[in-house]
Amino acid sequence: MYKVKVNDQFLFEVENKDSAFLINGDQVQLDLSKIGHNSTHVLYQNISFNTELVDINRAEKTCKIKVNGNIYQISIEDQFDVLLKQLGLDNLTANKVLEIKAPMPGLVLKVLVEENAEVKKGDNLLILEAMKMENILKSSSDGVVKKILIKQGDKVEKNQILVQFS
């Protein structure tokens, strides 16, 4: 069973059961003829539809489909996506950190990354001296450095934004 959302408005439950399509529990008869690499001709209730796969993102499970000249944005969830949602594990990538703030007032001794640099979780970003101790601030997630708001020698306050990620 798949949950298919069209243009973030219409939600359908689609199932392929015993070589028959079920949409929202109702059996649907489709006559499909492949006419090209990404094109298919569909006959449904004696109405002709020319479909073309315009774009596909397998990682995000989304695609754009052109039907008779109109483009539709499609997102698909399978039974595993539904299970992850039920377990509260669907937003793991949403926990991505967008900025690093100073944990305490201090002096920036050294900036270890550059803008547009790709960083991994645990990579060193900068060295901050506070209370006569050197503290290495590390990346808490994978990402790309969008903007560095400080430079070596800057004095920073607690919760001041130091690095932004995209």
N, C-alpha and C. Protein backbone atom coordinates (compact mmCIF):
# COMPACT_ATOMS: atom_id res chain seq x y z
N MET A 1 0.84 -1.17 0.00
CA MET A 1 0.00 0.00 0.00
C MET A 1 0.88 1.24 0.00
N TYR A 2 0.52 2.21 -0.82
CA TYR A 2 1.25 3.47 -0.93
C TYR A 2 0.27 4.60 -0.67
N LYS A 3 0.79 5.64 -0.01
CA LYS A 3 0.03 6.88 0.13
C LYS A 3 0.63 7.86 -0.87
N VAL A 4 -0.19 8.32 -1.79
CA VAL A 4 0.27 9.19 -2.86
C VAL A 4 -0.40 10.55 -2.69
N LYS A 5 0.44 11.59 -2.58
CA LYS A 5 -0.07 12.95 -2.44
C LYS A 5 0.22 13.71 -3.72
N VAL A 6 -0.79 14.35 -4.28
CA VAL A 6 -0.68 15.08 -5.53
C VAL A 6 -0.81 16.58 -5.23
N ASN A 7 0.22 17.34 -5.66
CA ASN A 7 0.25 18.80 -5.46
C ASN A 7 -0.02 19.22 -4.02
N ASP A 8 0.40 18.42 -3.06
CA ASP A 8 0.21 18.69 -1.63
C ASP A 8 -1.25 18.97 -1.28
N GLN A 9 -2.20 18.46 -2.09
CA GLN A 9 -3.62 18.70 -1.84
C GLN A 9 -4.41 17.41 -1.74
N PHE A 10 -4.21 16.54 -2.69
CA PHE A 10 -5.04 15.34 -2.80
C PHE A 10 -4.26 14.12 -2.35
N LEU A 11 -4.85 13.32 -1.46
CA LEU A 11 -4.20 12.13 -0.93
C LEU A 11 -4.96 10.90 -1.37
N PHE A 12 -4.21 9.94 -1.93
CA PHE A 12 -4.80 8.68 -2.39
C PHE A 12 -4.06 7.51 -1.76
N GLU A 13 -4.79 6.45 -1.45
CA GLU A 13 -4.16 5.20 -1.05
C GLU A 13 -4.20 4.28 -2.27
N VAL A 14 -3.01 3.89 -2.72
CA VAL A 14 -2.89 3.10 -3.94
C VAL A 14 -2.31 1.74 -3.57
N GLU A 15 -2.93 0.70 -4.13
CA GLU A 15 -2.49 -0.66 -3.85
C GLU A 15 -2.51 -1.47 -5.14
N ASN A 16 -1.55 -2.33 -5.31
CA ASN A 16 -1.52 -3.25 -6.44
C ASN A 16 -1.75 -4.64 -5.86
N LYS A 17 -2.99 -5.13 -5.99
CA LYS A 17 -3.39 -6.38 -5.36
C LYS A 17 -3.90 -7.35 -6.42
N ASP A 18 -3.28 -8.51 -6.50
CA ASP A 18 -3.68 -9.53 -7.48
C ASP A 18 -3.77 -8.96 -8.88
N SER A 19 -2.73 -8.23 -9.30
CA SER A 19 -2.61 -7.58 -10.61
C SER A 19 -3.75 -6.61 -10.92
N ALA A 20 -4.36 -6.04 -9.87
CA ALA A 20 -5.39 -5.02 -10.05
C ALA A 20 -4.99 -3.79 -9.22
N PHE A 21 -5.30 -2.61 -9.76
CA PHE A 21 -5.04 -1.38 -9.03
C PHE A 21 -6.23 -1.06 -8.14
N LEU A 22 -5.94 -0.75 -6.88
CA LEU A 22 -6.97 -0.27 -5.97
C LEU A 22 -6.60 1.15 -5.57
N ILE A 23 -7.52 2.08 -5.78
CA ILE A 23 -7.32 3.46 -5.36
C ILE A 23 -8.40 3.78 -4.35
N ASN A 24 -7.98 4.11 -3.13
CA ASN A 24 -8.89 4.34 -2.00
C ASN A 24 -9.86 3.17 -1.83
N GLY A 25 -9.36 1.95 -2.06
CA GLY A 25 -10.16 0.74 -1.87
C GLY A 25 -10.99 0.33 -3.07
N ASP A 26 -11.11 1.18 -4.08
CA ASP A 26 -11.91 0.85 -5.26
C ASP A 26 -11.01 0.35 -6.38
N GLN A 27 -11.44 -0.73 -7.04
CA GLN A 27 -10.66 -1.27 -8.15
C GLN A 27 -10.77 -0.35 -9.36
N VAL A 28 -9.61 -0.11 -10.00
CA VAL A 28 -9.55 0.79 -11.15
C VAL A 28 -8.95 0.02 -12.32
N GLN A 29 -9.61 0.10 -13.47
CA GLN A 29 -9.11 -0.55 -14.69
C GLN A 29 -8.33 0.47 -15.51
N LEU A 30 -7.07 0.17 -15.75
CA LEU A 30 -6.22 1.03 -16.56
C LEU A 30 -5.66 0.22 -17.71
N ASP A 31 -5.62 0.83 -18.88
CA ASP A 31 -4.96 0.23 -20.03
C ASP A 31 -3.71 1.07 -20.29
N LEU A 32 -2.53 0.48 -20.05
CA LEU A 32 -1.27 1.20 -20.15
C LEU A 32 -0.48 0.74 -21.36
N SER A 33 0.07 1.70 -22.13
CA SER A 33 0.94 1.39 -23.27
C SER A 33 2.15 2.30 -23.19
N LYS A 34 3.32 1.70 -23.03
CA LYS A 34 4.56 2.47 -22.97
C LYS A 34 4.87 2.98 -24.38
N ILE A 35 5.09 4.30 -24.51
CA ILE A 35 5.34 4.86 -25.85
C ILE A 35 6.72 5.51 -25.95
N GLY A 36 7.46 5.51 -24.86
CA GLY A 36 8.81 6.09 -24.87
C GLY A 36 9.50 5.75 -23.57
N HIS A 37 10.73 6.26 -23.44
CA HIS A 37 11.52 5.97 -22.24
C HIS A 37 10.80 6.42 -20.97
N ASN A 38 10.27 7.63 -20.96
CA ASN A 38 9.57 8.17 -19.78
C ASN A 38 8.10 8.48 -20.07
N SER A 39 7.57 7.95 -21.16
CA SER A 39 6.21 8.28 -21.58
C SER A 39 5.33 7.04 -21.64
N THR A 40 4.08 7.23 -21.20
CA THR A 40 3.11 6.14 -21.22
C THR A 40 1.76 6.70 -21.65
N HIS A 41 1.05 5.93 -22.44
CA HIS A 41 -0.32 6.28 -22.81
C HIS A 41 -1.25 5.49 -21.89
N VAL A 42 -2.20 6.20 -21.26
CA VAL A 42 -3.11 5.57 -20.32
C VAL A 42 -4.54 5.75 -20.82
N LEU A 43 -5.28 4.67 -20.81
CA LEU A 43 -6.70 4.71 -21.17
C LEU A 43 -7.48 4.36 -19.90
N TYR A 44 -8.30 5.34 -19.42
CA TYR A 44 -9.08 5.13 -18.21
C TYR A 44 -10.50 5.61 -18.47
N GLN A 45 -11.48 4.73 -18.32
CA GLN A 45 -12.90 5.00 -18.58
C GLN A 45 -13.09 5.64 -19.95
N ASN A 46 -12.43 5.04 -20.96
CA ASN A 46 -12.50 5.48 -22.35
C ASN A 46 -11.98 6.90 -22.57
N ILE A 47 -11.15 7.38 -21.65
CA ILE A 47 -10.53 8.69 -21.80
C ILE A 47 -9.03 8.47 -21.94
N SER A 48 -8.44 9.17 -22.91
CA SER A 48 -7.02 9.01 -23.22
C SER A 48 -6.18 10.02 -22.45
N PHE A 49 -5.07 9.54 -21.86
CA PHE A 49 -4.13 10.39 -21.14
C PHE A 49 -2.72 10.10 -21.61
N ASN A 50 -1.99 11.14 -21.98
CA ASN A 50 -0.57 11.00 -22.31
C ASN A 50 0.22 11.44 -21.08
N THR A 51 1.03 10.54 -20.54
CA THR A 51 1.78 10.85 -19.34
C THR A 51 3.27 10.80 -19.62
N GLU A 52 4.01 11.66 -18.90
CA GLU A 52 5.46 11.69 -19.04
C GLU A 52 6.07 11.95 -17.67
N LEU A 53 7.07 11.14 -17.32
CA LEU A 53 7.82 11.36 -16.09
C LEU A 53 8.82 12.48 -16.36
N VAL A 54 8.63 13.64 -15.73
CA VAL A 54 9.46 14.82 -15.97
C VAL A 54 10.70 14.81 -15.09
N ASP A 55 10.51 14.48 -13.81
CA ASP A 55 11.61 14.52 -12.85
C ASP A 55 11.32 13.52 -11.75
N ILE A 56 12.38 12.90 -11.21
CA ILE A 56 12.20 11.94 -10.11
C ILE A 56 13.32 12.14 -9.11
N ASN A 57 12.95 12.13 -7.82
CA ASN A 57 13.92 12.18 -6.72
C ASN A 57 13.65 10.95 -5.86
N ARG A 58 14.43 9.91 -6.08
CA ARG A 58 14.19 8.65 -5.38
C ARG A 58 14.47 8.76 -3.88
N ALA A 59 15.42 9.59 -3.49
CA ALA A 59 15.75 9.73 -2.07
C ALA A 59 14.58 10.34 -1.29
N GLU A 60 13.93 11.34 -1.87
CA GLU A 60 12.81 11.99 -1.20
C GLU A 60 11.47 11.39 -1.59
N LYS A 61 11.49 10.43 -2.50
CA LYS A 61 10.29 9.75 -2.99
C LYS A 61 9.28 10.75 -3.55
N THR A 62 9.79 11.62 -4.44
CA THR A 62 8.93 12.59 -5.11
C THR A 62 9.20 12.53 -6.62
N CYS A 63 8.23 12.99 -7.38
CA CYS A 63 8.42 13.09 -8.82
C CYS A 63 7.47 14.14 -9.38
N LYS A 64 7.76 14.54 -10.62
CA LYS A 64 6.87 15.43 -11.36
C LYS A 64 6.41 14.64 -12.58
N ILE A 65 5.11 14.65 -12.79
CA ILE A 65 4.52 13.93 -13.91
C ILE A 65 3.70 14.90 -14.74
N LYS A 66 3.89 14.83 -16.05
CA LYS A 66 3.09 15.66 -16.96
C LYS A 66 1.98 14.78 -17.51
N VAL A 67 0.73 15.22 -17.33
CA VAL A 67 -0.44 14.49 -17.85
C VAL A 67 -1.19 15.44 -18.77
N ASN A 68 -1.21 15.09 -20.06
CA ASN A 68 -1.87 15.92 -21.08
C ASN A 68 -1.45 17.38 -20.98
N GLY A 69 -0.16 17.62 -20.74
CA GLY A 69 0.39 18.97 -20.70
C GLY A 69 0.40 19.64 -19.35
N ASN A 70 -0.30 19.08 -18.35
CA ASN A 70 -0.32 19.65 -17.01
C ASN A 70 0.68 18.91 -16.12
N ILE A 71 1.48 19.67 -15.37
CA ILE A 71 2.49 19.06 -14.51
C ILE A 71 1.94 18.92 -13.09
N TYR A 72 2.15 17.73 -12.51
CA TYR A 72 1.71 17.43 -11.16
C TYR A 72 2.90 17.01 -10.32
N GLN A 73 2.98 17.53 -9.08
CA GLN A 73 4.01 17.15 -8.12
C GLN A 73 3.46 16.00 -7.29
N ILE A 74 4.17 14.88 -7.28
CA ILE A 74 3.73 13.68 -6.59
C ILE A 74 4.71 13.33 -5.48
N SER A 75 4.21 13.00 -4.30
CA SER A 75 5.05 12.45 -3.23
C SER A 75 4.43 11.12 -2.79
N ILE A 76 5.29 10.16 -2.50
CA ILE A 76 4.83 8.80 -2.22
C ILE A 76 5.38 8.33 -0.89
N GLU A 77 4.53 7.70 -0.08
CA GLU A 77 4.95 7.05 1.15
C GLU A 77 4.58 5.58 1.05
N ASP A 78 5.52 4.71 1.43
CA ASP A 78 5.20 3.29 1.47
C ASP A 78 4.90 2.88 2.92
N GLN A 79 4.70 1.58 3.15
CA GLN A 79 4.34 1.13 4.50
C GLN A 79 5.46 1.39 5.51
N PHE A 80 6.70 1.44 5.05
CA PHE A 80 7.81 1.72 5.96
C PHE A 80 7.83 3.18 6.40
N ASP A 81 7.51 4.09 5.48
CA ASP A 81 7.41 5.51 5.84
C ASP A 81 6.31 5.73 6.86
N VAL A 82 5.18 5.05 6.67
CA VAL A 82 4.05 5.16 7.60
C VAL A 82 4.47 4.63 8.98
N LEU A 83 5.19 3.50 9.01
CA LEU A 83 5.65 2.94 10.27
C LEU A 83 6.63 3.87 10.97
N LEU A 84 7.55 4.47 10.22
CA LEU A 84 8.50 5.42 10.81
C LEU A 84 7.77 6.62 11.42
N LYS A 85 6.72 7.09 10.75
CA LYS A 85 5.92 8.20 11.28
C LYS A 85 5.26 7.80 12.60
N GLN A 86 4.69 6.58 12.62
CA GLN A 86 4.02 6.10 13.84
C GLN A 86 5.00 5.99 15.00
N LEU A 87 6.26 5.65 14.70
CA LEU A 87 7.27 5.51 15.74
C LEU A 87 7.94 6.84 16.09
N GLY A 88 7.59 7.90 15.35
CA GLY A 88 8.18 9.21 15.59
C GLY A 88 9.59 9.35 15.06
N LEU A 89 9.96 8.52 14.11
CA LEU A 89 11.31 8.53 13.56
C LEU A 89 11.38 9.15 12.17
N ASP A 90 10.32 9.80 11.74
CA ASP A 90 10.27 10.34 10.39
C ASP A 90 11.00 11.67 10.23
N ASN A 91 11.26 12.39 11.30
CA ASN A 91 11.88 13.71 11.19
C ASN A 91 13.33 13.72 11.62
N LEU A 92 14.04 12.61 11.45
CA LEU A 92 15.43 12.57 11.86
C LEU A 92 16.27 13.56 11.08
N THR A 93 15.98 13.76 9.79
CA THR A 93 16.74 14.72 9.01
C THR A 93 16.31 16.15 9.31
N ALA A 94 15.13 16.33 9.88
CA ALA A 94 14.67 17.67 10.22
C ALA A 94 15.40 18.22 11.44
N ASN A 95 16.09 17.34 12.18
CA ASN A 95 16.83 17.79 13.36
C ASN A 95 18.18 18.37 12.99
N LYS A 96 18.37 18.68 11.75
CA LYS A 96 19.63 19.25 11.27
C LYS A 96 19.84 20.62 11.89
N VAL A 97 21.04 20.85 12.39
CA VAL A 97 21.37 22.13 13.03
C VAL A 97 21.64 23.16 11.94
N LEU A 98 21.04 24.34 12.08
CA LEU A 98 21.20 25.39 11.09
C LEU A 98 22.21 26.45 11.51
N GLU A 99 22.60 26.44 12.81
CA GLU A 99 23.57 27.41 13.26
C GLU A 99 24.28 26.92 14.52
N ILE A 100 25.50 27.42 14.71
CA ILE A 100 26.26 27.14 15.93
C ILE A 100 26.35 28.45 16.70
N LYS A 101 25.98 28.40 17.99
CA LYS A 101 26.03 29.59 18.84
C LYS A 101 27.14 29.40 19.87
N ALA A 102 27.64 30.51 20.35
CA ALA A 102 28.67 30.48 21.40
C ALA A 102 28.05 29.93 22.68
N PRO A 103 28.64 28.88 23.25
CA PRO A 103 28.09 28.32 24.49
C PRO A 103 28.39 29.18 25.71
N MET A 104 29.36 30.10 25.56
CA MET A 104 29.77 30.99 26.66
C MET A 104 30.50 32.18 26.05
N PRO A 105 30.66 33.27 26.79
CA PRO A 105 31.44 34.38 26.27
C PRO A 105 32.90 33.96 26.13
N GLY A 106 33.58 34.50 25.13
CA GLY A 106 34.98 34.13 24.95
C GLY A 106 35.62 34.82 23.77
N LEU A 107 36.81 34.34 23.41
CA LEU A 107 37.61 34.91 22.35
C LEU A 107 37.83 33.83 21.28
N VAL A 108 37.58 34.17 20.02
CA VAL A 108 37.79 33.22 18.93
C VAL A 108 39.29 33.15 18.65
N LEU A 109 39.87 31.98 18.94
CA LEU A 109 41.31 31.81 18.70
C LEU A 109 41.59 31.43 17.26
N LYS A 110 40.75 30.56 16.70
CA LYS A 110 41.00 30.11 15.33
C LYS A 110 39.70 29.59 14.71
N VAL A 111 39.45 29.94 13.45
CA VAL A 111 38.33 29.41 12.68
C VAL A 111 38.91 28.31 11.80
N LEU A 112 38.36 27.09 11.92
CA LEU A 112 38.92 25.92 11.26
C LEU A 112 38.21 25.53 9.96
N VAL A 113 37.13 26.23 9.61
CA VAL A 113 36.38 25.91 8.39
C VAL A 113 36.23 27.18 7.54
N GLU A 114 35.83 26.98 6.30
CA GLU A 114 35.57 28.10 5.40
C GLU A 114 34.12 28.03 4.92
N GLU A 115 33.62 29.14 4.40
CA GLU A 115 32.27 29.15 3.84
C GLU A 115 32.20 28.19 2.66
N ASN A 116 31.05 27.56 2.49
CA ASN A 116 30.76 26.57 1.45
C ASN A 116 31.49 25.24 1.65
N ALA A 117 32.15 25.07 2.80
CA ALA A 117 32.83 23.80 3.10
C ALA A 117 31.81 22.78 3.58
N GLU A 118 31.98 21.55 3.15
CA GLU A 118 31.12 20.46 3.59
C GLU A 118 31.71 19.90 4.87
N VAL A 119 30.89 19.78 5.92
CA VAL A 119 31.36 19.25 7.19
C VAL A 119 30.54 18.03 7.58
N LYS A 120 31.17 17.15 8.32
CA LYS A 120 30.52 15.95 8.84
C LYS A 120 30.31 16.12 10.33
N LYS A 121 29.41 15.34 10.89
CA LYS A 121 29.16 15.37 12.32
C LYS A 121 30.47 15.08 13.05
N GLY A 122 30.81 15.95 14.02
CA GLY A 122 32.02 15.77 14.80
C GLY A 122 33.22 16.54 14.28
N ASP A 123 33.12 17.13 13.07
CA ASP A 123 34.23 17.92 12.54
C ASP A 123 34.45 19.17 13.39
N ASN A 124 35.73 19.55 13.57
CA ASN A 124 36.06 20.77 14.31
C ASN A 124 35.71 21.99 13.47
N LEU A 125 35.04 22.96 14.10
CA LEU A 125 34.65 24.18 13.40
C LEU A 125 35.51 25.38 13.81
N LEU A 126 35.72 25.55 15.13
CA LEU A 126 36.51 26.68 15.60
C LEU A 126 36.99 26.42 17.02
N ILE A 127 37.98 27.22 17.42
CA ILE A 127 38.50 27.15 18.79
C ILE A 127 38.12 28.43 19.50
N LEU A 128 37.46 28.28 20.64
CA LEU A 128 36.98 29.40 21.44
C LEU A 128 37.66 29.35 22.81
N GLU A 129 38.32 30.45 23.18
CA GLU A 129 38.94 30.52 24.51
C GLU A 129 37.96 31.16 25.47
N ALA A 130 37.71 30.46 26.57
CA ALA A 130 36.81 30.98 27.60
C ALA A 130 37.37 30.57 28.95
N MET A 131 37.46 31.49 29.86
CA MET A 131 37.99 31.26 31.21
C MET A 131 39.36 30.56 31.15
N LYS A 132 40.23 31.06 30.27
CA LYS A 132 41.61 30.59 30.09
C LYS A 132 41.70 29.13 29.63
N MET A 133 40.61 28.64 29.04
CA MET A 133 40.61 27.28 28.49
C MET A 133 40.24 27.34 27.02
N GLU A 134 40.86 26.47 26.21
CA GLU A 134 40.54 26.38 24.80
C GLU A 134 39.43 25.34 24.61
N ASN A 135 38.38 25.75 23.94
CA ASN A 135 37.25 24.86 23.68
C ASN A 135 37.09 24.70 22.17
N ILE A 136 37.09 23.46 21.72
CA ILE A 136 36.89 23.20 20.29
C ILE A 136 35.40 22.97 20.07
N LEU A 137 34.78 23.82 19.24
CA LEU A 137 33.36 23.64 18.90
C LEU A 137 33.28 22.76 17.67
N LYS A 138 32.46 21.72 17.77
CA LYS A 138 32.35 20.72 16.71
C LYS A 138 30.97 20.79 16.07
N SER A 139 30.89 20.28 14.85
CA SER A 139 29.63 20.21 14.14
C SER A 139 28.78 19.09 14.74
N SER A 140 27.52 19.39 15.02
CA SER A 140 26.64 18.38 15.60
C SER A 140 25.88 17.58 14.54
N SER A 141 26.07 17.94 13.26
CA SER A 141 25.44 17.18 12.18
C SER A 141 26.20 17.43 10.88
N ASP A 142 25.89 16.64 9.87
CA ASP A 142 26.46 16.85 8.55
C ASP A 142 25.82 18.09 7.93
N GLY A 143 26.57 18.81 7.10
CA GLY A 143 26.01 19.97 6.44
C GLY A 143 27.04 20.74 5.64
N VAL A 144 26.62 21.89 5.15
CA VAL A 144 27.49 22.78 4.39
C VAL A 144 27.51 24.13 5.09
N VAL A 145 28.71 24.66 5.32
CA VAL A 145 28.85 25.96 5.98
C VAL A 145 28.34 27.04 5.03
N LYS A 146 27.30 27.74 5.45
CA LYS A 146 26.71 28.80 4.63
C LYS A 146 27.42 30.13 4.87
N LYS A 147 27.60 30.45 6.16
CA LYS A 147 28.19 31.75 6.49
C LYS A 147 28.93 31.66 7.82
N ILE A 148 30.11 32.27 7.86
CA ILE A 148 30.88 32.38 9.10
C ILE A 148 30.76 33.83 9.56
N LEU A 149 30.19 34.03 10.74
CA LEU A 149 29.86 35.37 11.20
C LEU A 149 30.93 35.96 12.12
N ILE A 150 32.00 35.22 12.35
CA ILE A 150 33.08 35.69 13.23
C ILE A 150 34.42 35.46 12.54
N LYS A 151 35.48 36.05 13.12
CA LYS A 151 36.83 35.81 12.59
C LYS A 151 37.78 35.69 13.78
N GLN A 152 38.98 35.24 13.50
CA GLN A 152 39.98 35.08 14.54
C GLN A 152 40.19 36.41 15.27
N GLY A 153 40.20 36.35 16.61
CA GLY A 153 40.41 37.54 17.42
C GLY A 153 39.13 38.21 17.89
N ASP A 154 37.95 37.78 17.36
CA ASP A 154 36.68 38.37 17.78
C ASP A 154 36.32 37.93 19.20
N LYS A 155 35.76 38.88 19.98
CA LYS A 155 35.19 38.55 21.28
C LYS A 155 33.70 38.28 21.04
N VAL A 156 33.21 37.17 21.61
CA VAL A 156 31.82 36.80 21.39
C VAL A 156 31.09 36.68 22.72
N GLU A 157 29.80 36.89 22.67
CA GLU A 157 28.93 36.77 23.84
C GLU A 157 28.22 35.42 23.80
N LYS A 158 27.72 35.00 24.94
CA LYS A 158 26.97 33.75 25.02
C LYS A 158 25.76 33.82 24.09
N ASN A 159 25.51 32.73 23.36
CA ASN A 159 24.41 32.57 22.40
C ASN A 159 24.54 33.40 21.14
N GLN A 160 25.68 34.03 20.93
CA GLN A 160 25.94 34.75 19.67
C GLN A 160 26.09 33.70 18.57
N ILE A 161 25.48 33.95 17.42
CA ILE A 161 25.59 33.02 16.28
C ILE A 161 26.98 33.15 15.69
N LEU A 162 27.67 32.01 15.57
CA LEU A 162 29.03 32.00 15.06
C LEU A 162 29.10 31.49 13.62
N VAL A 163 28.39 30.39 13.35
CA VAL A 163 28.43 29.75 12.03
C VAL A 163 27.00 29.36 11.64
N GLN A 164 26.64 29.60 10.37
CA GLN A 164 25.34 29.20 9.85
C GLN A 164 25.53 28.11 8.81
N PHE A 165 24.60 27.16 8.77
CA PHE A 165 24.65 26.06 7.79
C PHE A 165 23.47 26.17 6.83
N SER A 166 23.66 25.60 5.65
CA SER A 166 22.53 25.58 4.69
C SER A 166 21.98 24.18 4.62
